[in-house]
Amino acid sequence: MTTCAECLTALSTMRLSEIGRGSPIEQHYSTCENCSRVAADLQYAEHKLAPALSELGSAMPPSVVAEEAITGAEKVRRKNTAKWFRRALAAVAGVILSTYIMDNRNAAPKSDLVTQMVIPKCTNPDDAMAIVTPFLNSKGSAVYKGVNAKFITIRGVHREVETAISRLDEYESKFCTLPEPGQPVIPSAGK
């Protein structure tokens, strides 16, 4: 025995001509008053729809119409996707351009950069680099250690280089004591 739900599902997905004579669906809607009314409405709609469709007379076969509907929807989806992709690319390009402009706004012109070699008095080159690095903030500024040498090279805007060298001199004046010229060097105890 077929239920009303099964019968209504079959009626909504199939044409009445596709439901076979003597099938459980046909037996149910011929005995059930509600399902019978739905089947009668469907039969009336099919009879009215068939002549209307035949009068229209499509120039294309149904398979071509279906294919066009599918590919048309796909074209719309692809156009929308392409539109959003172009918008995303434009947004990314805007972010990159603004970042580039902001970076170059803070950059010192190459002609403003100076390079100076400094030989620390008693500080090793690694410590000297750590002392001067915080004062080199402009774009293109850097500090390098000489290979197997006791000097550092500082590059930056003139005021930054001067500030870095003066801070290194201040550090060395506090923590480095060199003997006066001509005075003997006396090693301290424990070293």
N, C-alpha and C. Protein backbone atom coordinates (compact mmCIF):
# COMPACT_ATOMS: atom_id res chain seq x y z
N MET A 1 0.85 -1.17 0.00
CA MET A 1 0.00 0.00 0.00
C MET A 1 0.89 1.23 0.00
N THR A 2 0.56 2.18 -0.83
CA THR A 2 1.31 3.41 -0.97
C THR A 2 0.68 4.49 -0.10
N THR A 3 1.54 5.32 0.54
CA THR A 3 1.03 6.42 1.38
C THR A 3 0.79 7.65 0.52
N CYS A 4 0.08 8.63 1.09
CA CYS A 4 -0.18 9.90 0.39
C CYS A 4 1.12 10.62 0.07
N ALA A 5 2.08 10.58 0.98
CA ALA A 5 3.35 11.27 0.76
C ALA A 5 4.07 10.67 -0.44
N GLU A 6 4.12 9.34 -0.53
CA GLU A 6 4.76 8.69 -1.67
C GLU A 6 4.03 9.01 -2.96
N CYS A 7 2.72 9.01 -2.90
CA CYS A 7 1.91 9.29 -4.09
C CYS A 7 2.15 10.73 -4.56
N LEU A 8 2.10 11.68 -3.65
CA LEU A 8 2.30 13.10 -4.01
C LEU A 8 3.71 13.34 -4.53
N THR A 9 4.68 12.66 -3.97
CA THR A 9 6.06 12.79 -4.46
C THR A 9 6.15 12.29 -5.89
N ALA A 10 5.55 11.15 -6.16
CA ALA A 10 5.56 10.60 -7.52
C ALA A 10 4.82 11.51 -8.49
N LEU A 11 3.69 12.07 -8.07
CA LEU A 11 2.93 12.96 -8.94
C LEU A 11 3.70 14.25 -9.23
N SER A 12 4.49 14.72 -8.27
CA SER A 12 5.23 15.97 -8.47
C SER A 12 6.48 15.78 -9.32
N THR A 13 6.95 14.54 -9.45
CA THR A 13 8.18 14.31 -10.22
C THR A 13 7.95 13.60 -11.54
N MET A 14 6.76 13.09 -11.77
CA MET A 14 6.50 12.32 -13.00
C MET A 14 5.27 12.89 -13.71
N ARG A 15 5.18 12.61 -15.00
CA ARG A 15 3.96 12.93 -15.73
C ARG A 15 2.97 11.79 -15.49
N LEU A 16 1.69 12.11 -15.61
CA LEU A 16 0.67 11.07 -15.40
C LEU A 16 0.80 9.95 -16.42
N SER A 17 1.23 10.29 -17.63
CA SER A 17 1.37 9.26 -18.66
C SER A 17 2.52 8.29 -18.34
N GLU A 18 3.43 8.72 -17.48
CA GLU A 18 4.56 7.85 -17.11
C GLU A 18 4.18 6.89 -15.98
N ILE A 19 3.10 7.18 -15.28
CA ILE A 19 2.65 6.28 -14.21
C ILE A 19 1.84 5.16 -14.86
N GLY A 20 2.31 3.97 -14.69
CA GLY A 20 1.69 2.82 -15.36
C GLY A 20 0.32 2.47 -14.79
N ARG A 21 -0.50 1.87 -15.68
CA ARG A 21 -1.82 1.40 -15.25
C ARG A 21 -1.62 0.27 -14.25
N GLY A 22 -2.36 0.32 -13.18
CA GLY A 22 -2.29 -0.74 -12.18
C GLY A 22 -1.11 -0.60 -11.23
N SER A 23 -0.31 0.48 -11.36
CA SER A 23 0.82 0.68 -10.44
C SER A 23 0.28 1.07 -9.07
N PRO A 24 1.06 0.90 -8.03
CA PRO A 24 0.60 1.27 -6.68
C PRO A 24 0.23 2.75 -6.57
N ILE A 25 0.91 3.61 -7.31
CA ILE A 25 0.60 5.04 -7.27
C ILE A 25 -0.78 5.28 -7.87
N GLU A 26 -1.05 4.65 -9.03
CA GLU A 26 -2.34 4.82 -9.72
C GLU A 26 -3.46 4.25 -8.84
N GLN A 27 -3.22 3.13 -8.20
CA GLN A 27 -4.23 2.53 -7.32
C GLN A 27 -4.52 3.44 -6.13
N HIS A 28 -3.46 4.12 -5.62
CA HIS A 28 -3.66 4.98 -4.45
C HIS A 28 -4.47 6.22 -4.82
N TYR A 29 -4.08 6.93 -5.89
CA TYR A 29 -4.80 8.17 -6.18
C TYR A 29 -6.20 7.91 -6.72
N SER A 30 -6.50 6.66 -7.18
CA SER A 30 -7.89 6.38 -7.57
C SER A 30 -8.76 6.08 -6.35
N THR A 31 -8.17 5.76 -5.20
CA THR A 31 -8.97 5.48 -4.01
C THR A 31 -8.92 6.61 -2.99
N CYS A 32 -7.90 7.46 -3.02
CA CYS A 32 -7.73 8.55 -2.04
C CYS A 32 -8.30 9.84 -2.62
N GLU A 33 -9.18 10.49 -1.88
CA GLU A 33 -9.86 11.68 -2.37
C GLU A 33 -8.90 12.86 -2.58
N ASN A 34 -7.99 13.09 -1.64
CA ASN A 34 -7.04 14.21 -1.76
C ASN A 34 -6.07 14.00 -2.92
N CYS A 35 -5.50 12.82 -3.01
CA CYS A 35 -4.55 12.53 -4.08
C CYS A 35 -5.25 12.51 -5.44
N SER A 36 -6.51 12.08 -5.46
CA SER A 36 -7.29 12.06 -6.70
C SER A 36 -7.50 13.47 -7.21
N ARG A 37 -7.75 14.40 -6.31
CA ARG A 37 -7.94 15.80 -6.70
C ARG A 37 -6.64 16.37 -7.29
N VAL A 38 -5.49 16.05 -6.70
CA VAL A 38 -4.19 16.51 -7.21
C VAL A 38 -3.93 15.90 -8.58
N ALA A 39 -4.21 14.61 -8.74
CA ALA A 39 -4.00 13.94 -10.03
C ALA A 39 -4.89 14.56 -11.10
N ALA A 40 -6.13 14.90 -10.75
CA ALA A 40 -7.04 15.52 -11.72
C ALA A 40 -6.53 16.90 -12.12
N ASP A 41 -6.03 17.67 -11.16
CA ASP A 41 -5.46 18.99 -11.48
C ASP A 41 -4.25 18.87 -12.40
N LEU A 42 -3.40 17.89 -12.12
CA LEU A 42 -2.22 17.66 -12.97
C LEU A 42 -2.63 17.26 -14.38
N GLN A 43 -3.64 16.39 -14.49
CA GLN A 43 -4.09 15.94 -15.81
C GLN A 43 -4.65 17.13 -16.59
N TYR A 44 -5.42 18.00 -15.94
CA TYR A 44 -5.98 19.18 -16.59
C TYR A 44 -4.84 20.11 -17.05
N ALA A 45 -3.82 20.33 -16.19
CA ALA A 45 -2.70 21.20 -16.54
C ALA A 45 -1.92 20.63 -17.72
N GLU A 46 -1.71 19.31 -17.73
CA GLU A 46 -0.97 18.69 -18.84
C GLU A 46 -1.73 18.86 -20.15
N HIS A 47 -3.06 18.70 -20.13
CA HIS A 47 -3.85 18.83 -21.36
C HIS A 47 -3.86 20.27 -21.85
N LYS A 48 -3.84 21.26 -20.97
CA LYS A 48 -3.81 22.65 -21.39
C LYS A 48 -2.41 23.07 -21.84
N LEU A 49 -1.39 22.52 -21.21
CA LEU A 49 -0.01 22.90 -21.51
C LEU A 49 0.46 22.35 -22.85
N ALA A 50 0.07 21.14 -23.17
CA ALA A 50 0.53 20.50 -24.40
C ALA A 50 0.17 21.32 -25.64
N PRO A 51 -1.09 21.74 -25.84
CA PRO A 51 -1.40 22.54 -27.04
C PRO A 51 -0.68 23.90 -27.04
N ALA A 52 -0.53 24.50 -25.86
CA ALA A 52 0.15 25.80 -25.80
C ALA A 52 1.60 25.68 -26.23
N LEU A 53 2.23 24.61 -25.80
CA LEU A 53 3.63 24.41 -26.19
C LEU A 53 3.76 24.08 -27.67
N SER A 54 2.82 23.31 -28.18
CA SER A 54 2.90 22.95 -29.60
C SER A 54 2.65 24.17 -30.49
N GLU A 55 1.82 25.12 -30.04
CA GLU A 55 1.59 26.34 -30.81
C GLU A 55 2.83 27.21 -30.86
N LEU A 56 3.58 27.24 -29.77
CA LEU A 56 4.79 28.05 -29.75
C LEU A 56 5.81 27.54 -30.76
N GLY A 57 5.95 26.28 -30.83
CA GLY A 57 6.85 25.66 -31.79
C GLY A 57 8.28 26.18 -31.67
N SER A 58 9.08 25.56 -30.90
CA SER A 58 10.46 25.98 -30.71
C SER A 58 11.27 25.70 -31.97
N ALA A 59 12.12 26.63 -32.31
CA ALA A 59 12.99 26.46 -33.48
C ALA A 59 14.13 25.51 -33.17
N MET A 60 14.38 25.31 -31.89
CA MET A 60 15.49 24.44 -31.49
C MET A 60 14.93 23.19 -30.83
N PRO A 61 15.61 22.07 -31.03
CA PRO A 61 15.18 20.86 -30.34
C PRO A 61 15.38 21.00 -28.83
N PRO A 62 14.61 20.26 -28.05
CA PRO A 62 14.68 20.39 -26.58
C PRO A 62 16.09 20.14 -26.03
N SER A 63 16.84 19.24 -26.64
CA SER A 63 18.19 18.97 -26.13
C SER A 63 19.09 20.21 -26.27
N VAL A 64 18.92 20.96 -27.37
CA VAL A 64 19.72 22.18 -27.57
C VAL A 64 19.28 23.25 -26.58
N VAL A 65 17.96 23.36 -26.34
CA VAL A 65 17.46 24.34 -25.38
C VAL A 65 18.02 24.04 -23.99
N ALA A 66 18.02 22.77 -23.60
CA ALA A 66 18.55 22.39 -22.29
C ALA A 66 20.04 22.69 -22.19
N GLU A 67 20.78 22.37 -23.25
CA GLU A 67 22.22 22.62 -23.25
C GLU A 67 22.51 24.11 -23.15
N GLU A 68 21.74 24.93 -23.90
CA GLU A 68 21.92 26.38 -23.85
C GLU A 68 21.62 26.92 -22.46
N ALA A 69 20.60 26.36 -21.82
CA ALA A 69 20.26 26.82 -20.47
C ALA A 69 21.39 26.53 -19.50
N ILE A 70 21.98 25.36 -19.63
CA ILE A 70 23.07 24.99 -18.74
C ILE A 70 24.30 25.84 -19.02
N THR A 71 24.68 25.96 -20.28
CA THR A 71 25.88 26.73 -20.61
C THR A 71 25.65 28.22 -20.36
N GLY A 72 24.43 28.70 -20.53
CA GLY A 72 24.13 30.10 -20.24
C GLY A 72 24.32 30.41 -18.77
N ALA A 73 23.83 29.51 -17.91
CA ALA A 73 24.00 29.69 -16.48
C ALA A 73 25.49 29.63 -16.11
N GLU A 74 26.21 28.75 -16.77
CA GLU A 74 27.65 28.65 -16.52
C GLU A 74 28.36 29.92 -16.95
N LYS A 75 27.94 30.50 -18.08
CA LYS A 75 28.55 31.75 -18.55
C LYS A 75 28.30 32.87 -17.55
N VAL A 76 27.10 32.95 -17.02
CA VAL A 76 26.78 33.99 -16.04
C VAL A 76 27.63 33.80 -14.79
N ARG A 77 27.75 32.56 -14.34
CA ARG A 77 28.56 32.28 -13.15
C ARG A 77 30.01 32.67 -13.40
N ARG A 78 30.53 32.32 -14.57
CA ARG A 78 31.92 32.65 -14.89
C ARG A 78 32.13 34.16 -15.00
N LYS A 79 31.14 34.87 -15.58
CA LYS A 79 31.26 36.32 -15.66
C LYS A 79 31.29 36.94 -14.29
N ASN A 80 30.42 36.46 -13.39
CA ASN A 80 30.42 36.97 -12.02
C ASN A 80 31.73 36.67 -11.31
N THR A 81 32.23 35.46 -11.50
CA THR A 81 33.50 35.09 -10.88
C THR A 81 34.63 35.97 -11.41
N ALA A 82 34.65 36.18 -12.72
CA ALA A 82 35.69 37.02 -13.32
C ALA A 82 35.59 38.45 -12.81
N LYS A 83 34.37 38.94 -12.66
CA LYS A 83 34.18 40.31 -12.17
C LYS A 83 34.74 40.44 -10.75
N TRP A 84 34.45 39.49 -9.87
CA TRP A 84 34.96 39.55 -8.50
C TRP A 84 36.46 39.35 -8.46
N PHE A 85 36.98 38.50 -9.36
CA PHE A 85 38.43 38.29 -9.42
C PHE A 85 39.13 39.58 -9.83
N ARG A 86 38.57 40.28 -10.84
CA ARG A 86 39.16 41.56 -11.26
C ARG A 86 39.12 42.58 -10.13
N ARG A 87 38.02 42.62 -9.39
CA ARG A 87 37.93 43.54 -8.26
C ARG A 87 38.97 43.21 -7.19
N ALA A 88 39.15 41.92 -6.92
CA ALA A 88 40.15 41.52 -5.93
C ALA A 88 41.55 41.90 -6.39
N LEU A 89 41.84 41.68 -7.67
CA LEU A 89 43.15 42.07 -8.20
C LEU A 89 43.36 43.57 -8.09
N ALA A 90 42.35 44.35 -8.38
CA ALA A 90 42.47 45.80 -8.27
C ALA A 90 42.72 46.22 -6.83
N ALA A 91 42.06 45.56 -5.88
CA ALA A 91 42.27 45.87 -4.47
C ALA A 91 43.69 45.53 -4.04
N VAL A 92 44.18 44.37 -4.46
CA VAL A 92 45.55 43.97 -4.13
C VAL A 92 46.55 44.94 -4.75
N ALA A 93 46.30 45.33 -6.00
CA ALA A 93 47.19 46.29 -6.66
C ALA A 93 47.18 47.62 -5.92
N GLY A 94 46.02 48.05 -5.44
CA GLY A 94 45.94 49.29 -4.67
C GLY A 94 46.74 49.21 -3.38
N VAL A 95 46.65 48.08 -2.69
CA VAL A 95 47.40 47.90 -1.45
C VAL A 95 48.90 47.92 -1.73
N ILE A 96 49.32 47.23 -2.78
CA ILE A 96 50.74 47.19 -3.13
C ILE A 96 51.23 48.58 -3.51
N LEU A 97 50.45 49.29 -4.31
CA LEU A 97 50.84 50.64 -4.72
C LEU A 97 50.94 51.57 -3.52
N SER A 98 49.97 51.53 -2.63
CA SER A 98 50.02 52.41 -1.46
C SER A 98 51.19 52.07 -0.55
N THR A 99 51.49 50.78 -0.41
CA THR A 99 52.64 50.38 0.38
C THR A 99 53.93 50.88 -0.25
N TYR A 100 54.03 50.77 -1.56
CA TYR A 100 55.21 51.25 -2.27
C TYR A 100 55.38 52.76 -2.09
N ILE A 101 54.27 53.49 -2.21
CA ILE A 101 54.33 54.94 -2.07
C ILE A 101 54.75 55.31 -0.64
N MET A 102 54.16 54.62 0.36
CA MET A 102 54.51 54.93 1.75
C MET A 102 55.96 54.58 2.05
N ASP A 103 56.46 53.49 1.51
CA ASP A 103 57.87 53.12 1.72
C ASP A 103 58.79 54.14 1.10
N ASN A 104 58.48 54.57 -0.11
CA ASN A 104 59.35 55.53 -0.79
C ASN A 104 59.24 56.93 -0.21
N ARG A 105 58.12 57.22 0.44
CA ARG A 105 57.98 58.52 1.09
C ARG A 105 58.96 58.62 2.25
N ASN A 106 59.18 57.51 2.96
CA ASN A 106 60.08 57.50 4.11
C ASN A 106 61.54 57.28 3.70
N ALA A 107 61.77 56.94 2.45
CA ALA A 107 63.13 56.61 2.02
C ALA A 107 63.93 57.88 1.81
N ALA A 108 65.17 57.78 2.19
CA ALA A 108 66.08 58.90 1.94
C ALA A 108 66.59 58.79 0.51
N PRO A 109 66.73 59.91 -0.18
CA PRO A 109 67.31 59.84 -1.52
C PRO A 109 68.72 59.30 -1.44
N LYS A 110 69.13 58.57 -2.46
CA LYS A 110 70.45 57.93 -2.44
C LYS A 110 71.56 58.96 -2.23
N SER A 111 71.37 60.19 -2.74
CA SER A 111 72.41 61.20 -2.61
C SER A 111 72.56 61.67 -1.16
N ASP A 112 71.54 61.47 -0.30
CA ASP A 112 71.62 61.88 1.10
C ASP A 112 72.33 60.86 1.98
N LEU A 113 72.57 59.67 1.48
CA LEU A 113 73.23 58.63 2.27
C LEU A 113 74.74 58.87 2.28
N VAL A 114 75.32 58.70 3.47
CA VAL A 114 76.77 58.80 3.61
C VAL A 114 77.28 57.48 4.17
N THR A 115 78.52 57.17 3.89
CA THR A 115 79.14 55.95 4.38
C THR A 115 80.40 56.35 5.13
N GLN A 116 80.57 55.76 6.31
CA GLN A 116 81.73 56.11 7.12
C GLN A 116 82.26 54.87 7.81
N MET A 117 83.57 54.71 7.81
CA MET A 117 84.22 53.59 8.48
C MET A 117 84.62 54.04 9.88
N VAL A 118 84.35 53.21 10.88
CA VAL A 118 84.66 53.55 12.26
C VAL A 118 85.48 52.40 12.85
N ILE A 119 86.57 52.76 13.55
CA ILE A 119 87.38 51.75 14.25
C ILE A 119 87.14 51.96 15.74
N PRO A 120 86.38 51.04 16.35
CA PRO A 120 86.13 51.18 17.79
C PRO A 120 87.43 51.09 18.58
N LYS A 121 87.50 51.85 19.69
CA LYS A 121 88.73 51.88 20.49
C LYS A 121 88.92 50.58 21.26
N CYS A 122 87.86 50.15 21.95
CA CYS A 122 88.00 48.93 22.75
C CYS A 122 86.79 48.00 22.65
N THR A 123 85.80 48.38 21.87
CA THR A 123 84.59 47.57 21.72
C THR A 123 84.77 46.65 20.53
N ASN A 124 84.36 45.39 20.70
CA ASN A 124 84.48 44.50 19.54
C ASN A 124 83.44 44.90 18.49
N PRO A 125 83.68 44.58 17.21
CA PRO A 125 82.78 45.04 16.14
C PRO A 125 81.32 44.61 16.30
N ASP A 126 81.07 43.42 16.83
CA ASP A 126 79.68 42.97 17.02
C ASP A 126 78.95 43.86 18.02
N ASP A 127 79.61 44.19 19.14
CA ASP A 127 78.99 45.07 20.13
C ASP A 127 78.81 46.48 19.56
N ALA A 128 79.78 46.95 18.81
CA ALA A 128 79.68 48.28 18.19
C ALA A 128 78.49 48.33 17.23
N MET A 129 78.29 47.25 16.47
CA MET A 129 77.14 47.20 15.56
C MET A 129 75.83 47.27 16.34
N ALA A 130 75.76 46.56 17.47
CA ALA A 130 74.55 46.57 18.30
C ALA A 130 74.30 47.95 18.89
N ILE A 131 75.33 48.71 19.16
CA ILE A 131 75.17 50.05 19.73
C ILE A 131 74.66 51.04 18.68
N VAL A 132 75.19 50.98 17.45
CA VAL A 132 74.84 51.99 16.45
C VAL A 132 73.57 51.66 15.66
N THR A 133 73.18 50.41 15.57
CA THR A 133 72.04 50.01 14.74
C THR A 133 70.73 50.72 15.10
N PRO A 134 70.37 50.92 16.37
CA PRO A 134 69.08 51.59 16.67
C PRO A 134 68.97 53.02 16.12
N PHE A 135 70.10 53.65 15.80
CA PHE A 135 70.07 55.04 15.33
C PHE A 135 70.00 55.14 13.81
N LEU A 136 70.04 54.02 13.11
CA LEU A 136 69.99 54.01 11.64
C LEU A 136 68.59 53.60 11.22
N ASN A 137 67.71 54.57 10.98
CA ASN A 137 66.30 54.27 10.73
C ASN A 137 65.85 54.55 9.31
N SER A 138 66.59 55.28 8.53
CA SER A 138 66.14 55.63 7.18
C SER A 138 66.33 54.45 6.24
N LYS A 139 65.58 54.50 5.15
CA LYS A 139 65.66 53.43 4.14
C LYS A 139 67.04 53.46 3.49
N GLY A 140 67.66 52.33 3.39
CA GLY A 140 68.98 52.23 2.78
C GLY A 140 70.10 52.30 3.79
N SER A 141 69.77 52.59 5.06
CA SER A 141 70.84 52.66 6.07
C SER A 141 71.19 51.25 6.52
N ALA A 142 72.46 51.08 6.89
CA ALA A 142 72.93 49.75 7.31
C ALA A 142 74.25 49.91 8.06
N VAL A 143 74.64 48.85 8.72
CA VAL A 143 75.94 48.80 9.38
C VAL A 143 76.55 47.44 9.04
N TYR A 144 77.84 47.47 8.68
CA TYR A 144 78.53 46.25 8.27
C TYR A 144 79.78 46.09 9.12
N LYS A 145 80.15 44.84 9.34
CA LYS A 145 81.37 44.53 10.06
C LYS A 145 82.43 44.13 9.04
N GLY A 146 83.62 44.61 9.24
CA GLY A 146 84.70 44.23 8.36
C GLY A 146 85.09 42.78 8.60
N VAL A 147 85.42 42.06 7.54
CA VAL A 147 85.78 40.65 7.66
C VAL A 147 87.18 40.56 8.25
N ASN A 148 87.31 39.83 9.36
CA ASN A 148 88.58 39.66 10.06
C ASN A 148 89.25 41.00 10.36
N ALA A 149 88.44 42.00 10.62
CA ALA A 149 89.01 43.32 10.89
C ALA A 149 88.34 43.88 12.13
N LYS A 150 88.90 44.94 12.63
CA LYS A 150 88.40 45.57 13.85
C LYS A 150 87.68 46.88 13.54
N PHE A 151 86.93 46.93 12.45
CA PHE A 151 86.21 48.15 12.11
C PHE A 151 84.79 47.81 11.67
N ILE A 152 83.93 48.84 11.67
CA ILE A 152 82.57 48.71 11.15
C ILE A 152 82.36 49.83 10.14
N THR A 153 81.48 49.58 9.20
CA THR A 153 81.12 50.58 8.20
C THR A 153 79.66 50.94 8.42
N ILE A 154 79.40 52.23 8.55
CA ILE A 154 78.05 52.72 8.81
C ILE A 154 77.58 53.50 7.59
N ARG A 155 76.35 53.17 7.12
CA ARG A 155 75.76 53.90 6.00
C ARG A 155 74.38 54.37 6.42
N GLY A 156 74.10 55.65 6.15
CA GLY A 156 72.80 56.20 6.49
C GLY A 156 72.75 57.68 6.19
N VAL A 157 71.67 58.32 6.60
CA VAL A 157 71.55 59.77 6.46
C VAL A 157 72.59 60.40 7.38
N HIS A 158 73.14 61.53 6.98
CA HIS A 158 74.25 62.16 7.69
C HIS A 158 73.97 62.31 9.19
N ARG A 159 72.80 62.83 9.56
CA ARG A 159 72.50 63.04 10.99
C ARG A 159 72.43 61.73 11.75
N GLU A 160 71.91 60.65 11.10
CA GLU A 160 71.85 59.34 11.77
C GLU A 160 73.25 58.77 11.99
N VAL A 161 74.11 58.90 11.00
CA VAL A 161 75.48 58.39 11.11
C VAL A 161 76.21 59.14 12.22
N GLU A 162 76.05 60.46 12.25
CA GLU A 162 76.72 61.27 13.28
C GLU A 162 76.21 60.89 14.67
N THR A 163 74.89 60.70 14.81
CA THR A 163 74.31 60.31 16.10
C THR A 163 74.84 58.94 16.52
N ALA A 164 74.89 58.00 15.59
CA ALA A 164 75.37 56.65 15.90
C ALA A 164 76.82 56.68 16.36
N ILE A 165 77.65 57.46 15.66
CA ILE A 165 79.08 57.53 16.03
C ILE A 165 79.24 58.20 17.40
N SER A 166 78.44 59.26 17.65
CA SER A 166 78.56 59.93 18.95
C SER A 166 78.10 59.00 20.08
N ARG A 167 77.08 58.19 19.86
CA ARG A 167 76.65 57.23 20.89
C ARG A 167 77.71 56.17 21.13
N LEU A 168 78.37 55.73 20.07
CA LEU A 168 79.46 54.76 20.23
C LEU A 168 80.60 55.39 21.01
N ASP A 169 80.92 56.65 20.72
CA ASP A 169 81.98 57.35 21.45
C ASP A 169 81.60 57.50 22.93
N GLU A 170 80.33 57.84 23.21
CA GLU A 170 79.88 57.97 24.59
C GLU A 170 80.02 56.64 25.34
N TYR A 171 79.62 55.55 24.67
CA TYR A 171 79.73 54.23 25.29
C TYR A 171 81.19 53.91 25.60
N GLU A 172 82.04 54.16 24.64
CA GLU A 172 83.45 53.82 24.83
C GLU A 172 84.09 54.73 25.88
N SER A 173 83.64 55.97 26.00
CA SER A 173 84.23 56.86 27.01
C SER A 173 83.83 56.39 28.42
N LYS A 174 82.66 55.76 28.56
CA LYS A 174 82.23 55.27 29.87
C LYS A 174 82.88 53.94 30.23
N PHE A 175 83.00 53.04 29.23
CA PHE A 175 83.39 51.68 29.55
C PHE A 175 84.78 51.28 29.06
N CYS A 176 85.43 52.14 28.33
CA CYS A 176 86.77 51.80 27.84
C CYS A 176 87.74 52.80 28.44
N THR A 177 88.73 52.31 29.11
CA THR A 177 89.78 53.19 29.61
C THR A 177 91.08 52.75 28.96
N LEU A 178 91.60 53.65 28.18
CA LEU A 178 92.87 53.37 27.51
C LEU A 178 93.96 54.15 28.25
N PRO A 179 95.13 53.58 28.34
CA PRO A 179 96.21 54.31 29.01
C PRO A 179 96.61 55.52 28.18
N GLU A 180 97.08 56.51 28.85
CA GLU A 180 97.58 57.70 28.17
C GLU A 180 98.76 57.28 27.31
N PRO A 181 98.99 57.99 26.23
CA PRO A 181 100.13 57.63 25.39
C PRO A 181 101.42 57.65 26.22
N GLY A 182 102.22 56.64 26.06
CA GLY A 182 103.49 56.51 26.76
C GLY A 182 103.36 55.82 28.10
N GLN A 183 102.13 55.57 28.60
CA GLN A 183 101.92 54.90 29.87
C GLN A 183 101.92 53.39 29.62
N PRO A 184 102.51 52.63 30.51
CA PRO A 184 102.51 51.17 30.34
C PRO A 184 101.12 50.60 30.64
N VAL A 185 100.77 49.55 29.94
CA VAL A 185 99.50 48.88 30.16
C VAL A 185 99.68 47.90 31.29
N ILE A 186 98.87 48.04 32.35
CA ILE A 186 98.97 47.14 33.52
C ILE A 186 97.74 46.25 33.48
N PRO A 187 97.95 44.92 33.35
CA PRO A 187 96.80 44.03 33.32
C PRO A 187 96.09 44.05 34.68
N SER A 188 94.77 44.02 34.63
CA SER A 188 94.01 44.00 35.87
C SER A 188 94.01 42.60 36.43
N ALA A 189 93.79 42.52 37.76
CA ALA A 189 93.84 41.22 38.45
C ALA A 189 92.68 40.34 37.99
N GLY A 190 92.92 39.08 37.81
CA GLY A 190 91.90 38.10 37.45
C GLY A 190 91.73 37.96 35.95
N LYS A 191 92.49 38.67 35.17
CA LYS A 191 92.35 38.53 33.71
C LYS A 191 93.56 37.91 33.12
